[in-house]
Amino acid sequence: MPFFTKKPVRIEAVQFLRIMPASGNPFFAEDDSLDASWPTWLVEALCKQSWQEGAMWVNTFNSLHIRTLEGIMLVSPNDWVICGVKGELYPCKPDIFAVTYDAIAEEPAS
């Protein structure tokens, strides 16, 4: 059977830590304040309606979900939310993320 390796592609990702009880928002900082470093794709995903592709929302059971190309996926605490090469969003378990991705410097401003 042939073997394969992943091509080196650049992705953006944000780690989901927990849902803040006061706000119900999964990406607020520890003190329940807005994190100014949020990427645009994350803000856009949280603003979409739950039926739209790429939407992220917290349901009535306080669980975070993403509508992906493969259907609705649950995002557990400590999972990474990845924005792929075509803008698609999907969750990734922390152990898989650690062996698949390395942090790199941000692209220089053009």
PDB file of N, CA and C in Angstrom:
ATOM      1  N   MET A   1       0.847  -1.171   0.000  1.00  0.00           N
ATOM      2  CA  MET A   1       0.000   0.000   0.000  1.00  0.00           C
ATOM      3  C   MET A   1       0.896   1.239   0.000  1.00  0.00           C
ATOM      4  N   PRO A   2       0.594   2.236  -0.834  1.00  0.00           N
ATOM      5  CA  PRO A   2       1.425   3.448  -0.883  1.00  0.00           C
ATOM      6  C   PRO A   2       1.220   4.316   0.361  1.00  0.00           C
ATOM      7  N   PHE A   3       2.253   5.077   0.706  1.00  0.00           N
ATOM      8  CA  PHE A   3       2.189   6.004   1.831  1.00  0.00           C
ATOM      9  C   PHE A   3       2.166   7.432   1.304  1.00  0.00           C
ATOM     10  N   PHE A   4       1.648   8.340   2.112  1.00  0.00           N
ATOM     11  CA  PHE A   4       1.538   9.739   1.725  1.00  0.00           C
ATOM     12  C   PHE A   4       1.947  10.625   2.888  1.00  0.00           C
ATOM     13  N   THR A   5       2.338  11.847   2.561  1.00  0.00           N
ATOM     14  CA  THR A   5       2.622  12.856   3.572  1.00  0.00           C
ATOM     15  C   THR A   5       1.844  14.111   3.211  1.00  0.00           C
ATOM     16  N   LYS A   6       1.474  14.907   4.210  1.00  0.00           N
ATOM     17  CA  LYS A   6       0.740  16.135   3.934  1.00  0.00           C
ATOM     18  C   LYS A   6       1.645  17.167   3.295  1.00  0.00           C
ATOM     19  N   LYS A   7       1.082  17.917   2.369  1.00  0.00           N
ATOM     20  CA  LYS A   7       1.812  19.032   1.773  1.00  0.00           C
ATOM     21  C   LYS A   7       1.880  20.157   2.811  1.00  0.00           C
ATOM     22  N   PRO A   8       2.941  20.933   2.786  1.00  0.00           N
ATOM     23  CA  PRO A   8       3.021  22.039   3.747  1.00  0.00           C
ATOM     24  C   PRO A   8       2.093  23.186   3.339  1.00  0.00           C
ATOM     25  N   VAL A   9       0.945  23.251   3.964  1.00  0.00           N
ATOM     26  CA  VAL A   9      -0.012  24.318   3.696  1.00  0.00           C
ATOM     27  C   VAL A   9      -0.184  25.157   4.955  1.00  0.00           C
ATOM     28  N   ARG A  10      -0.428  26.423   4.756  1.00  0.00           N
ATOM     29  CA  ARG A  10      -0.605  27.350   5.872  1.00  0.00           C
ATOM     30  C   ARG A  10      -2.089  27.395   6.234  1.00  0.00           C
ATOM     31  N   ILE A  11      -2.391  27.219   7.511  1.00  0.00           N
ATOM     32  CA  ILE A  11      -3.768  27.319   7.992  1.00  0.00           C
ATOM     33  C   ILE A  11      -3.802  28.317   9.144  1.00  0.00           C
ATOM     34  N   GLU A  12      -4.990  28.778   9.474  1.00  0.00           N
ATOM     35  CA  GLU A  12      -5.185  29.568  10.688  1.00  0.00           C
ATOM     36  C   GLU A  12      -6.019  28.727  11.633  1.00  0.00           C
ATOM     37  N   ALA A  13      -5.768  28.854  12.923  1.00  0.00           N
ATOM     38  CA  ALA A  13      -6.521  28.082  13.902  1.00  0.00           C
ATOM     39  C   ALA A  13      -6.627  28.853  15.208  1.00  0.00           C
ATOM     40  N   VAL A  14      -7.717  28.592  15.924  1.00  0.00           N
ATOM     41  CA  VAL A  14      -7.955  29.177  17.236  1.00  0.00           C
ATOM     42  C   VAL A  14      -8.346  28.041  18.160  1.00  0.00           C
ATOM     43  N   GLN A  15      -7.770  28.015  19.353  1.00  0.00           N
ATOM     44  CA  GLN A  15      -8.121  26.955  20.297  1.00  0.00           C
ATOM     45  C   GLN A  15      -9.323  27.382  21.132  1.00  0.00           C
ATOM     46  N   PHE A  16     -10.323  26.505  21.180  1.00  0.00           N
ATOM     47  CA  PHE A  16     -11.529  26.717  21.973  1.00  0.00           C
ATOM     48  C   PHE A  16     -11.248  26.208  23.378  1.00  0.00           C
ATOM     49  N   LEU A  17     -11.348  27.076  24.371  1.00  0.00           N
ATOM     50  CA  LEU A  17     -11.058  26.664  25.736  1.00  0.00           C
ATOM     51  C   LEU A  17     -12.318  26.301  26.503  1.00  0.00           C
ATOM     52  N   ARG A  18     -13.272  27.221  26.542  1.00  0.00           N
ATOM     53  CA  ARG A  18     -14.523  26.937  27.243  1.00  0.00           C
ATOM     54  C   ARG A  18     -15.525  28.019  26.904  1.00  0.00           C
ATOM     55  N   ILE A  19     -16.781  27.758  27.203  1.00  0.00           N
ATOM     56  CA  ILE A  19     -17.827  28.751  26.997  1.00  0.00           C
ATOM     57  C   ILE A  19     -17.934  29.573  28.270  1.00  0.00           C
ATOM     58  N   MET A  20     -17.859  30.874  28.121  1.00  0.00           N
ATOM     59  CA  MET A  20     -17.972  31.754  29.279  1.00  0.00           C
ATOM     60  C   MET A  20     -19.438  31.842  29.684  1.00  0.00           C
ATOM     61  N   PRO A  21     -19.780  31.468  30.920  1.00  0.00           N
ATOM     62  CA  PRO A  21     -21.185  31.436  31.338  1.00  0.00           C
ATOM     63  C   PRO A  21     -21.912  32.770  31.200  1.00  0.00           C
ATOM     64  N   ALA A  22     -21.245  33.867  31.515  1.00  0.00           N
ATOM     65  CA  ALA A  22     -21.915  35.169  31.482  1.00  0.00           C
ATOM     66  C   ALA A  22     -22.320  35.568  30.071  1.00  0.00           C
ATOM     67  N   SER A  23     -21.453  35.333  29.112  1.00  0.00           N
ATOM     68  CA  SER A  23     -21.709  35.792  27.748  1.00  0.00           C
ATOM     69  C   SER A  23     -22.250  34.706  26.840  1.00  0.00           C
ATOM     70  N   GLY A  24     -21.974  33.444  27.172  1.00  0.00           N
ATOM     71  CA  GLY A  24     -22.341  32.356  26.280  1.00  0.00           C
ATOM     72  C   GLY A  24     -21.449  32.281  25.067  1.00  0.00           C
ATOM     73  N   ASN A  25     -20.373  33.076  25.059  1.00  0.00           N
ATOM     74  CA  ASN A  25     -19.487  33.111  23.903  1.00  0.00           C
ATOM     75  C   ASN A  25     -18.261  32.257  24.159  1.00  0.00           C
ATOM     76  N   PRO A  26     -17.913  31.385  23.224  1.00  0.00           N
ATOM     77  CA  PRO A  26     -16.814  30.450  23.446  1.00  0.00           C
ATOM     78  C   PRO A  26     -15.421  31.031  23.318  1.00  0.00           C
ATOM     79  N   PHE A  27     -15.272  32.234  22.811  1.00  0.00           N
ATOM     80  CA  PHE A  27     -13.932  32.739  22.552  1.00  0.00           C
ATOM     81  C   PHE A  27     -13.595  34.012  23.314  1.00  0.00           C
ATOM     82  N   PHE A  28     -14.360  34.325  24.344  1.00  0.00           N
ATOM     83  CA  PHE A  28     -13.996  35.466  25.169  1.00  0.00           C
ATOM     84  C   PHE A  28     -12.815  35.109  26.049  1.00  0.00           C
ATOM     85  N   ALA A  29     -12.073  36.103  26.444  1.00  0.00           N
ATOM     86  CA  ALA A  29     -10.922  35.898  27.319  1.00  0.00           C
ATOM     87  C   ALA A  29     -11.405  35.515  28.716  1.00  0.00           C
ATOM     88  N   GLU A  30     -10.474  35.141  29.582  1.00  0.00           N
ATOM     89  CA  GLU A  30     -10.798  34.702  30.938  1.00  0.00           C
ATOM     90  C   GLU A  30     -11.655  35.719  31.692  1.00  0.00           C
ATOM     91  N   ASP A  31     -11.414  37.002  31.475  1.00  0.00           N
ATOM     92  CA  ASP A  31     -12.175  38.026  32.196  1.00  0.00           C
ATOM     93  C   ASP A  31     -13.467  38.408  31.470  1.00  0.00           C
ATOM     94  N   ASP A  32     -13.880  37.593  30.498  1.00  0.00           N
ATOM     95  CA  ASP A  32     -15.123  37.785  29.746  1.00  0.00           C
ATOM     96  C   ASP A  32     -15.074  39.005  28.830  1.00  0.00           C
ATOM     97  N   SER A  33     -13.870  39.435  28.458  1.00  0.00           N
ATOM     98  CA  SER A  33     -13.737  40.566  27.545  1.00  0.00           C
ATOM     99  C   SER A  33     -13.436  40.062  26.135  1.00  0.00           C
ATOM    100  N   LEU A  34     -13.703  40.886  25.164  1.00  0.00           N
ATOM    101  CA  LEU A  34     -13.461  40.536  23.767  1.00  0.00           C
ATOM    102  C   LEU A  34     -11.971  40.494  23.476  1.00  0.00           C
ATOM    103  N   ASP A  35     -11.534  39.467  22.803  1.00  0.00           N
ATOM    104  CA  ASP A  35     -10.130  39.349  22.413  1.00  0.00           C
ATOM    105  C   ASP A  35      -9.949  40.051  21.070  1.00  0.00           C
ATOM    106  N   ALA A  36      -9.195  41.121  21.067  1.00  0.00           N
ATOM    107  CA  ALA A  36      -9.020  41.929  19.856  1.00  0.00           C
ATOM    108  C   ALA A  36      -8.233  41.213  18.769  1.00  0.00           C
ATOM    109  N   SER A  37      -7.631  40.088  19.087  1.00  0.00           N
ATOM    110  CA  SER A  37      -6.824  39.380  18.089  1.00  0.00           C
ATOM    111  C   SER A  37      -7.628  38.359  17.284  1.00  0.00           C
ATOM    112  N   TRP A  38      -8.942  38.332  17.447  1.00  0.00           N
ATOM    113  CA  TRP A  38      -9.760  37.379  16.694  1.00  0.00           C
ATOM    114  C   TRP A  38      -9.545  37.549  15.204  1.00  0.00           C
ATOM    115  N   PRO A  39      -9.367  36.448  14.478  1.00  0.00           N
ATOM    116  CA  PRO A  39      -9.294  36.555  13.016  1.00  0.00           C
ATOM    117  C   PRO A  39     -10.681  36.848  12.432  1.00  0.00           C
ATOM    118  N   THR A  40     -10.697  37.471  11.282  1.00  0.00           N
ATOM    119  CA  THR A  40     -11.949  37.841  10.624  1.00  0.00           C
ATOM    120  C   THR A  40     -12.844  36.632  10.395  1.00  0.00           C
ATOM    121  N   TRP A  41     -12.263  35.497   9.973  1.00  0.00           N
ATOM    122  CA  TRP A  41     -13.075  34.313   9.675  1.00  0.00           C
ATOM    123  C   TRP A  41     -13.827  33.816  10.909  1.00  0.00           C
ATOM    124  N   LEU A  42     -13.256  33.990  12.092  1.00  0.00           N
ATOM    125  CA  LEU A  42     -13.925  33.553  13.319  1.00  0.00           C
ATOM    126  C   LEU A  42     -15.119  34.450  13.624  1.00  0.00           C
ATOM    127  N   VAL A  43     -14.923  35.749  13.518  1.00  0.00           N
ATOM    128  CA  VAL A  43     -16.016  36.696  13.743  1.00  0.00           C
ATOM    129  C   VAL A  43     -17.144  36.431  12.749  1.00  0.00           C
ATOM    130  N   GLU A  44     -16.795  36.239  11.477  1.00  0.00           N
ATOM    131  CA  GLU A  44     -17.810  35.970  10.453  1.00  0.00           C
ATOM    132  C   GLU A  44     -18.571  34.682  10.746  1.00  0.00           C
ATOM    133  N   ALA A  45     -17.871  33.640  11.176  1.00  0.00           N
ATOM    134  CA  ALA A  45     -18.519  32.357  11.471  1.00  0.00           C
ATOM    135  C   ALA A  45     -19.495  32.484  12.634  1.00  0.00           C
ATOM    136  N   LEU A  46     -19.125  33.240  13.660  1.00  0.00           N
ATOM    137  CA  LEU A  46     -19.993  33.424  14.822  1.00  0.00           C
ATOM    138  C   LEU A  46     -21.193  34.306  14.506  1.00  0.00           C
ATOM    139  N   CYS A  47     -21.116  35.106  13.439  1.00  0.00           N
ATOM    140  CA  CYS A  47     -22.219  35.989  13.043  1.00  0.00           C
ATOM    141  C   CYS A  47     -23.198  35.317  12.078  1.00  0.00           C
ATOM    142  N   LYS A  48     -22.825  34.180  11.521  1.00  0.00           N
ATOM    143  CA  LYS A  48     -23.696  33.488  10.565  1.00  0.00           C
ATOM    144  C   LYS A  48     -24.855  32.803  11.284  1.00  0.00           C
ATOM    145  N   GLN A  49     -25.917  32.565  10.519  1.00  0.00           N
ATOM    146  CA  GLN A  49     -27.041  31.778  11.017  1.00  0.00           C
ATOM    147  C   GLN A  49     -26.635  30.310  11.045  1.00  0.00           C
ATOM    148  N   SER A  50     -27.174  29.540  11.973  1.00  0.00           N
ATOM    149  CA  SER A  50     -26.750  28.147  12.156  1.00  0.00           C
ATOM    150  C   SER A  50     -26.962  27.275  10.922  1.00  0.00           C
ATOM    151  N   TRP A  51     -27.855  27.653  10.028  1.00  0.00           N
ATOM    152  CA  TRP A  51     -28.102  26.847   8.824  1.00  0.00           C
ATOM    153  C   TRP A  51     -27.107  27.150   7.707  1.00  0.00           C
ATOM    154  N   GLN A  52     -26.290  28.197   7.869  1.00  0.00           N
ATOM    155  CA  GLN A  52     -25.337  28.576   6.824  1.00  0.00           C
ATOM    156  C   GLN A  52     -24.034  27.793   6.959  1.00  0.00           C
ATOM    157  N   GLU A  53     -23.464  27.411   5.829  1.00  0.00           N
ATOM    158  CA  GLU A  53     -22.179  26.707   5.837  1.00  0.00           C
ATOM    159  C   GLU A  53     -21.112  27.583   6.486  1.00  0.00           C
ATOM    160  N   GLY A  54     -20.330  26.986   7.363  1.00  0.00           N
ATOM    161  CA  GLY A  54     -19.268  27.713   8.049  1.00  0.00           C
ATOM    162  C   GLY A  54     -19.727  28.431   9.301  1.00  0.00           C
ATOM    163  N   ALA A  55     -21.001  28.277   9.660  1.00  0.00           N
ATOM    164  CA  ALA A  55     -21.518  28.934  10.864  1.00  0.00           C
ATOM    165  C   ALA A  55     -20.997  28.246  12.121  1.00  0.00           C
ATOM    166  N   MET A  56     -20.770  29.042  13.151  1.00  0.00           N
ATOM    167  CA  MET A  56     -20.436  28.519  14.481  1.00  0.00           C
ATOM    168  C   MET A  56     -21.449  29.101  15.453  1.00  0.00           C
ATOM    169  N   TRP A  57     -21.949  28.258  16.356  1.00  0.00           N
ATOM    170  CA  TRP A  57     -22.928  28.744  17.318  1.00  0.00           C
ATOM    171  C   TRP A  57     -22.885  27.893  18.579  1.00  0.00           C
ATOM    172  N   VAL A  58     -23.406  28.489  19.656  1.00  0.00           N
ATOM    173  CA  VAL A  58     -23.562  27.793  20.929  1.00  0.00           C
ATOM    174  C   VAL A  58     -25.034  27.433  21.032  1.00  0.00           C
ATOM    175  N   ASN A  59     -25.323  26.139  21.246  1.00  0.00           N
ATOM    176  CA  ASN A  59     -26.726  25.730  21.312  1.00  0.00           C
ATOM    177  C   ASN A  59     -27.278  25.897  22.728  1.00  0.00           C
ATOM    178  N   THR A  60     -28.534  25.508  22.919  1.00  0.00           N
ATOM    179  CA  THR A  60     -29.189  25.689  24.217  1.00  0.00           C
ATOM    180  C   THR A  60     -28.577  24.829  25.317  1.00  0.00           C
ATOM    181  N   PHE A  61     -27.800  23.828  24.954  1.00  0.00           N
ATOM    182  CA  PHE A  61     -27.128  22.987  25.949  1.00  0.00           C
ATOM    183  C   PHE A  61     -25.711  23.482  26.227  1.00  0.00           C
ATOM    184  N   ASN A  62     -25.397  24.705  25.744  1.00  0.00           N
ATOM    185  CA  ASN A  62     -24.090  25.331  25.956  1.00  0.00           C
ATOM    186  C   ASN A  62     -22.956  24.561  25.287  1.00  0.00           C
ATOM    187  N   SER A  63     -23.234  23.996  24.117  1.00  0.00           N
ATOM    188  CA  SER A  63     -22.221  23.292  23.332  1.00  0.00           C
ATOM    189  C   SER A  63     -21.913  24.101  22.080  1.00  0.00           C
ATOM    190  N   LEU A  64     -20.649  24.083  21.662  1.00  0.00           N
ATOM    191  CA  LEU A  64     -20.234  24.808  20.463  1.00  0.00           C
ATOM    192  C   LEU A  64     -20.302  23.877  19.256  1.00  0.00           C
ATOM    193  N   HIS A  65     -20.894  24.366  18.169  1.00  0.00           N
ATOM    194  CA  HIS A  65     -21.037  23.584  16.944  1.00  0.00           C
ATOM    195  C   HIS A  65     -20.519  24.366  15.742  1.00  0.00           C
ATOM    196  N   ILE A  66     -20.083  23.624  14.724  1.00  0.00           N
ATOM    197  CA  ILE A  66     -19.686  24.202  13.441  1.00  0.00           C
ATOM    198  C   ILE A  66     -20.437  23.453  12.349  1.00  0.00           C
ATOM    199  N   ARG A  67     -21.002  24.203  11.412  1.00  0.00           N
ATOM    200  CA  ARG A  67     -21.602  23.567  10.233  1.00  0.00           C
ATOM    201  C   ARG A  67     -20.497  23.449   9.188  1.00  0.00           C
ATOM    202  N   THR A  68     -20.062  22.209   8.941  1.00  0.00           N
ATOM    203  CA  THR A  68     -18.973  21.942   8.003  1.00  0.00           C
ATOM    204  C   THR A  68     -19.526  21.353   6.711  1.00  0.00           C
ATOM    205  N   LEU A  69     -18.649  21.104   5.759  1.00  0.00           N
ATOM    206  CA  LEU A  69     -19.054  20.447   4.516  1.00  0.00           C
ATOM    207  C   LEU A  69     -19.584  19.042   4.786  1.00  0.00           C
ATOM    208  N   GLU A  70     -19.128  18.425   5.881  1.00  0.00           N
ATOM    209  CA  GLU A  70     -19.535  17.059   6.225  1.00  0.00           C
ATOM    210  C   GLU A  70     -20.737  17.018   7.159  1.00  0.00           C
ATOM    211  N   GLY A  71     -21.261  18.166   7.561  1.00  0.00           N
ATOM    212  CA  GLY A  71     -22.388  18.220   8.483  1.00  0.00           C
ATOM    213  C   GLY A  71     -22.030  19.013   9.730  1.00  0.00           C
ATOM    214  N   ILE A  72     -22.877  18.909  10.740  1.00  0.00           N
ATOM    215  CA  ILE A  72     -22.665  19.652  11.982  1.00  0.00           C
ATOM    216  C   ILE A  72     -21.706  18.878  12.872  1.00  0.00           C
ATOM    217  N   MET A  73     -20.673  19.575  13.361  1.00  0.00           N
ATOM    218  CA  MET A  73     -19.674  18.941  14.223  1.00  0.00           C
ATOM    219  C   MET A  73     -19.614  19.657  15.560  1.00  0.00           C
ATOM    220  N   LEU A  74     -19.481  18.876  16.615  1.00  0.00           N
ATOM    221  CA  LEU A  74     -19.337  19.393  17.971  1.00  0.00           C
ATOM    222  C   LEU A  74     -17.885  19.775  18.212  1.00  0.00           C
ATOM    223  N   VAL A  75     -17.672  20.924  18.837  1.00  0.00           N
ATOM    224  CA  VAL A  75     -16.334  21.362  19.219  1.00  0.00           C
ATOM    225  C   VAL A  75     -16.238  21.241  20.733  1.00  0.00           C
ATOM    226  N   SER A  76     -15.341  20.397  21.206  1.00  0.00           N
ATOM    227  CA  SER A  76     -15.157  20.181  22.641  1.00  0.00           C
ATOM    228  C   SER A  76     -14.116  21.148  23.188  1.00  0.00           C
ATOM    229  N   PRO A  77     -14.152  21.419  24.510  1.00  0.00           N
ATOM    230  CA  PRO A  77     -13.107  22.258  25.097  1.00  0.00           C
ATOM    231  C   PRO A  77     -11.717  21.722  24.760  1.00  0.00           C
ATOM    232  N   ASN A  78     -10.812  22.623  24.439  1.00  0.00           N
ATOM    233  CA  ASN A  78      -9.421  22.376  24.041  1.00  0.00           C
ATOM    234  C   ASN A  78      -9.255  21.977  22.579  1.00  0.00           C
ATOM    235  N   ASP A  79     -10.337  21.715  21.856  1.00  0.00           N
ATOM    236  CA  ASP A  79     -10.232  21.467  20.417  1.00  0.00           C
ATOM    237  C   ASP A  79      -9.770  22.744  19.724  1.00  0.00           C
ATOM    238  N   TRP A  80      -9.144  22.571  18.586  1.00  0.00           N
ATOM    239  CA  TRP A  80      -8.768  23.689  17.727  1.00  0.00           C
ATOM    240  C   TRP A  80      -9.821  23.843  16.648  1.00  0.00           C
ATOM    241  N   VAL A  81     -10.173  25.070  16.305  1.00  0.00           N
ATOM    242  CA  VAL A  81     -11.041  25.357  15.164  1.00  0.00           C
ATOM    243  C   VAL A  81     -10.117  25.857  14.063  1.00  0.00           C
ATOM    244  N   ILE A  82     -10.102  25.125  12.959  1.00  0.00           N
ATOM    245  CA  ILE A  82      -9.187  25.403  11.855  1.00  0.00           C
ATOM    246  C   ILE A  82      -9.939  26.038  10.697  1.00  0.00           C
ATOM    247  N   CYS A  83      -9.319  27.048  10.104  1.00  0.00           N
ATOM    248  CA  CYS A  83      -9.795  27.620   8.847  1.00  0.00           C
ATOM    249  C   CYS A  83      -8.848  27.098   7.779  1.00  0.00           C
ATOM    250  N   GLY A  84      -9.338  26.214   6.931  1.00  0.00           N
ATOM    251  CA  GLY A  84      -8.504  25.540   5.943  1.00  0.00           C
ATOM    252  C   GLY A  84      -8.140  26.405   4.751  1.00  0.00           C
ATOM    253  N   VAL A  85      -7.461  25.790   3.805  1.00  0.00           N
ATOM    254  CA  VAL A  85      -6.924  26.513   2.647  1.00  0.00           C
ATOM    255  C   VAL A  85      -8.005  27.103   1.740  1.00  0.00           C
ATOM    256  N   LYS A  86      -9.218  26.572   1.803  1.00  0.00           N
ATOM    257  CA  LYS A  86     -10.317  27.105   0.992  1.00  0.00           C
ATOM    258  C   LYS A  86     -11.341  27.850   1.844  1.00  0.00           C
ATOM    259  N   GLY A  87     -10.954  28.188   3.084  1.00  0.00           N
ATOM    260  CA  GLY A  87     -11.850  28.915   3.972  1.00  0.00           C
ATOM    261  C   GLY A  87     -12.817  28.034   4.737  1.00  0.00           C
ATOM    262  N   GLU A  88     -12.704  26.721   4.579  1.00  0.00           N
ATOM    263  CA  GLU A  88     -13.588  25.799   5.278  1.00  0.00           C
ATOM    264  C   GLU A  88     -13.189  25.722   6.758  1.00  0.00           C
ATOM    265  N   LEU A  89     -14.185  25.541   7.621  1.00  0.00           N
ATOM    266  CA  LEU A  89     -13.937  25.439   9.056  1.00  0.00           C
ATOM    267  C   LEU A  89     -14.175  24.016   9.524  1.00  0.00           C
ATOM    268  N   TYR A  90     -13.344  23.574  10.443  1.00  0.00           N
ATOM    269  CA  TYR A  90     -13.539  22.254  11.029  1.00  0.00           C
ATOM    270  C   TYR A  90     -12.778  22.158  12.344  1.00  0.00           C
ATOM    271  N   PRO A  91     -13.291  21.313  13.267  1.00  0.00           N
ATOM    272  CA  PRO A  91     -12.600  21.134  14.541  1.00  0.00           C
ATOM    273  C   PRO A  91     -11.503  20.085  14.430  1.00  0.00           C
ATOM    274  N   CYS A  92     -10.527  20.186  15.324  1.00  0.00           N
ATOM    275  CA  CYS A  92      -9.425  19.227  15.368  1.00  0.00           C
ATOM    276  C   CYS A  92      -9.056  18.988  16.827  1.00  0.00           C
ATOM    277  N   LYS A  93      -8.952  17.732  17.213  1.00  0.00           N
ATOM    278  CA  LYS A  93      -8.569  17.381  18.586  1.00  0.00           C
ATOM    279  C   LYS A  93      -7.143  17.853  18.862  1.00  0.00           C
ATOM    280  N   PRO A  94      -6.852  18.265  20.102  1.00  0.00           N
ATOM    281  CA  PRO A  94      -5.535  18.826  20.409  1.00  0.00           C
ATOM    282  C   PRO A  94      -4.368  17.879  20.149  1.00  0.00           C
ATOM    283  N   ASP A  95      -4.540  16.591  20.377  1.00  0.00           N
ATOM    284  CA  ASP A  95      -3.429  15.655  20.142  1.00  0.00           C
ATOM    285  C   ASP A  95      -3.130  15.513  18.652  1.00  0.00           C
ATOM    286  N   ILE A  96      -4.162  15.499  17.824  1.00  0.00           N
ATOM    287  CA  ILE A  96      -3.979  15.431  16.370  1.00  0.00           C
ATOM    288  C   ILE A  96      -3.362  16.734  15.868  1.00  0.00           C
ATOM    289  N   PHE A  97      -3.842  17.861  16.391  1.00  0.00           N
ATOM    290  CA  PHE A  97      -3.302  19.161  15.996  1.00  0.00           C
ATOM    291  C   PHE A  97      -1.807  19.234  16.302  1.00  0.00           C
ATOM    292  N   ALA A  98      -1.415  18.750  17.475  1.00  0.00           N
ATOM    293  CA  ALA A  98      -0.011  18.826  17.909  1.00  0.00           C
ATOM    294  C   ALA A  98       0.927  18.043  16.997  1.00  0.00           C
ATOM    295  N   VAL A  99       0.489  16.905  16.475  1.00  0.00           N
ATOM    296  CA  VAL A  99       1.373  16.113  15.610  1.00  0.00           C
ATOM    297  C   VAL A  99       1.269  16.509  14.135  1.00  0.00           C
ATOM    298  N   THR A 100       0.267  17.317  13.801  1.00  0.00           N
ATOM    299  CA  THR A 100       0.043  17.696  12.408  1.00  0.00           C
ATOM    300  C   THR A 100       0.557  19.091  12.073  1.00  0.00           C
ATOM    301  N   TYR A 101       0.511  20.004  13.023  1.00  0.00           N
ATOM    302  CA  TYR A 101       0.828  21.409  12.747  1.00  0.00           C
ATOM    303  C   TYR A 101       1.934  21.938  13.654  1.00  0.00           C
ATOM    304  N   ASP A 102       2.720  22.865  13.124  1.00  0.00           N
ATOM    305  CA  ASP A 102       3.723  23.616  13.878  1.00  0.00           C
ATOM    306  C   ASP A 102       3.383  25.092  13.760  1.00  0.00           C
ATOM    307  N   ALA A 103       3.574  25.826  14.841  1.00  0.00           N
ATOM    308  CA  ALA A 103       3.361  27.275  14.798  1.00  0.00           C
ATOM    309  C   ALA A 103       4.433  27.919  13.925  1.00  0.00           C
ATOM    310  N   ILE A 104       4.033  28.935  13.162  1.00  0.00           N
ATOM    311  CA  ILE A 104       4.979  29.678  12.323  1.00  0.00           C
ATOM    312  C   ILE A 104       4.761  31.164  12.549  1.00  0.00           C
ATOM    313  N   ALA A 105       5.714  31.957  12.127  1.00  0.00           N
ATOM    314  CA  ALA A 105       5.581  33.411  12.237  1.00  0.00           C
ATOM    315  C   ALA A 105       4.481  33.886  11.301  1.00  0.00           C
ATOM    316  N   GLU A 106       3.849  34.965  11.681  1.00  0.00           N
ATOM    317  CA  GLU A 106       2.813  35.536  10.823  1.00  0.00           C
ATOM    318  C   GLU A 106       3.438  36.106   9.567  1.00  0.00           C
ATOM    319  N   GLU A 107       2.621  36.167   8.508  1.00  0.00           N
ATOM    320  CA  GLU A 107       3.099  36.734   7.243  1.00  0.00           C
ATOM    321  C   GLU A 107       3.415  38.211   7.432  1.00  0.00           C
ATOM    322  N   PRO A 108       4.481  38.685   6.821  1.00  0.00           N
ATOM    323  CA  PRO A 108       4.779  40.116   6.924  1.00  0.00           C
ATOM    324  C   PRO A 108       3.710  40.938   6.219  1.00  0.00           C
ATOM    325  N   ALA A 109       3.432  42.115   6.756  1.00  0.00           N
ATOM    326  CA  ALA A 109       2.441  43.003   6.137  1.00  0.00           C
ATOM    327  C   ALA A 109       2.949  43.459   4.773  1.00  0.00           C
ATOM    328  N   SER A 110       2.030  43.503   3.811  1.00  0.00           N
ATOM    329  CA  SER A 110       2.450  43.923   2.463  1.00  0.00           C
ATOM    330  C   SER A 110       1.996  45.320   2.151  1.00  0.00           C
TER     331      SER A 110
END
